[in-house]
Amino acid sequence: MLETLTGLGLASAAGLNAYIPMLVLGLLDRFTGLVDLPGGWGWLGN
């Protein structure tokens, strides 16, 4: 049981480490002028 919970905890932390930078970039593109994403990445700011 402990191995399963450890695995789930590590997997969710790895997922957040991949998701949070993209979220921050999207928010910066949408609400500020600090980031200007190229055309192919425009969906990230929506």
N, C-alpha and C. Protein backbone atom coordinates (compact mmCIF):
# COMPACT_ATOMS: atom_id res chain seq x y z
N MET A 1 0.83 -1.19 0.00
CA MET A 1 0.00 0.00 0.00
C MET A 1 0.87 1.26 0.00
N LEU A 2 1.91 1.25 0.79
CA LEU A 2 2.81 2.40 0.88
C LEU A 2 3.50 2.65 -0.46
N GLU A 3 3.86 1.57 -1.16
CA GLU A 3 4.50 1.72 -2.46
C GLU A 3 3.57 2.38 -3.47
N THR A 4 2.30 2.03 -3.42
CA THR A 4 1.32 2.61 -4.34
C THR A 4 1.14 4.10 -4.05
N LEU A 5 1.03 4.46 -2.80
CA LEU A 5 0.87 5.87 -2.44
C LEU A 5 2.11 6.68 -2.79
N THR A 6 3.28 6.09 -2.58
CA THR A 6 4.53 6.76 -2.96
C THR A 6 4.59 6.97 -4.46
N GLY A 7 4.23 5.94 -5.21
CA GLY A 7 4.22 6.05 -6.67
C GLY A 7 3.25 7.10 -7.16
N LEU A 8 2.07 7.15 -6.59
CA LEU A 8 1.08 8.16 -6.97
C LEU A 8 1.55 9.57 -6.62
N GLY A 9 2.17 9.71 -5.47
CA GLY A 9 2.68 11.02 -5.07
C GLY A 9 3.78 11.50 -5.99
N LEU A 10 4.70 10.63 -6.35
CA LEU A 10 5.79 11.01 -7.25
C LEU A 10 5.29 11.29 -8.65
N ALA A 11 4.33 10.52 -9.12
CA ALA A 11 3.78 10.74 -10.45
C ALA A 11 3.03 12.06 -10.53
N SER A 12 2.27 12.40 -9.50
CA SER A 12 1.55 13.68 -9.53
C SER A 12 2.51 14.85 -9.43
N ALA A 13 3.57 14.72 -8.67
CA ALA A 13 4.57 15.79 -8.59
C ALA A 13 5.27 15.98 -9.93
N ALA A 14 5.56 14.90 -10.62
CA ALA A 14 6.19 15.01 -11.94
C ALA A 14 5.24 15.66 -12.93
N GLY A 15 3.97 15.34 -12.85
CA GLY A 15 2.98 15.95 -13.74
C GLY A 15 2.84 17.44 -13.49
N LEU A 16 2.87 17.84 -12.24
CA LEU A 16 2.78 19.27 -11.92
C LEU A 16 4.02 20.02 -12.38
N ASN A 17 5.17 19.39 -12.29
CA ASN A 17 6.39 20.04 -12.75
C ASN A 17 6.36 20.28 -14.25
N ALA A 18 5.63 19.48 -15.00
CA ALA A 18 5.51 19.68 -16.44
C ALA A 18 4.40 20.68 -16.76
N TYR A 19 3.36 20.74 -15.95
CA TYR A 19 2.17 21.53 -16.25
C TYR A 19 2.31 22.99 -15.81
N ILE A 20 2.92 23.23 -14.68
CA ILE A 20 2.98 24.58 -14.11
C ILE A 20 3.72 25.57 -15.01
N PRO A 21 4.89 25.24 -15.58
CA PRO A 21 5.55 26.22 -16.46
C PRO A 21 4.71 26.60 -17.68
N MET A 22 3.99 25.63 -18.25
CA MET A 22 3.14 25.94 -19.39
C MET A 22 1.97 26.82 -18.97
N LEU A 23 1.42 26.59 -17.79
CA LEU A 23 0.35 27.43 -17.27
C LEU A 23 0.83 28.85 -17.06
N VAL A 24 2.01 29.00 -16.49
CA VAL A 24 2.57 30.33 -16.25
C VAL A 24 2.81 31.06 -17.57
N LEU A 25 3.36 30.36 -18.57
CA LEU A 25 3.57 30.99 -19.88
C LEU A 25 2.26 31.43 -20.51
N GLY A 26 1.25 30.59 -20.43
CA GLY A 26 -0.06 30.95 -20.97
C GLY A 26 -0.67 32.15 -20.29
N LEU A 27 -0.56 32.20 -18.98
CA LEU A 27 -1.10 33.34 -18.23
C LEU A 27 -0.33 34.63 -18.52
N LEU A 28 1.00 34.52 -18.63
CA LEU A 28 1.80 35.70 -18.94
C LEU A 28 1.48 36.22 -20.34
N ASP A 29 1.24 35.32 -21.28
CA ASP A 29 0.90 35.74 -22.64
C ASP A 29 -0.46 36.40 -22.68
N ARG A 30 -1.40 35.87 -21.92
CA ARG A 30 -2.77 36.38 -21.98
C ARG A 30 -2.94 37.70 -21.23
N PHE A 31 -2.34 37.84 -20.06
CA PHE A 31 -2.64 38.98 -19.20
C PHE A 31 -1.54 40.04 -19.13
N THR A 32 -0.36 39.75 -19.67
CA THR A 32 0.71 40.74 -19.63
C THR A 32 1.36 40.82 -21.01
N GLY A 33 2.26 41.73 -21.18
CA GLY A 33 3.01 41.84 -22.41
C GLY A 33 4.42 41.30 -22.27
N LEU A 34 4.68 40.56 -21.21
CA LEU A 34 6.03 40.05 -20.96
C LEU A 34 6.42 38.92 -21.90
N VAL A 35 5.44 38.14 -22.35
CA VAL A 35 5.70 36.99 -23.21
C VAL A 35 4.91 37.15 -24.49
N ASP A 36 5.58 36.92 -25.62
CA ASP A 36 4.90 36.95 -26.92
C ASP A 36 5.13 35.59 -27.57
N LEU A 37 4.13 34.72 -27.49
CA LEU A 37 4.26 33.37 -28.02
C LEU A 37 4.13 33.38 -29.55
N PRO A 38 4.88 32.52 -30.23
CA PRO A 38 4.73 32.44 -31.69
C PRO A 38 3.36 31.89 -32.08
N GLY A 39 3.03 32.01 -33.36
CA GLY A 39 1.70 31.63 -33.84
C GLY A 39 1.26 30.23 -33.52
N GLY A 40 2.17 29.27 -33.59
CA GLY A 40 1.82 27.88 -33.30
C GLY A 40 1.50 27.61 -31.84
N TRP A 41 1.92 28.52 -30.98
CA TRP A 41 1.68 28.35 -29.54
C TRP A 41 0.59 29.28 -29.03
N GLY A 42 -0.14 29.92 -29.92
CA GLY A 42 -1.19 30.85 -29.53
C GLY A 42 -2.30 30.22 -28.70
N TRP A 43 -2.54 28.93 -28.91
CA TRP A 43 -3.57 28.23 -28.15
C TRP A 43 -3.27 28.22 -26.66
N LEU A 44 -2.00 28.34 -26.31
CA LEU A 44 -1.61 28.28 -24.90
C LEU A 44 -2.13 29.49 -24.13
N GLY A 45 -2.31 30.61 -24.81
CA GLY A 45 -2.80 31.81 -24.14
C GLY A 45 -4.31 31.91 -24.04
N ASN A 46 -5.01 30.92 -24.60
CA ASN A 46 -6.50 30.95 -24.56
C ASN A 46 -7.04 30.31 -23.32
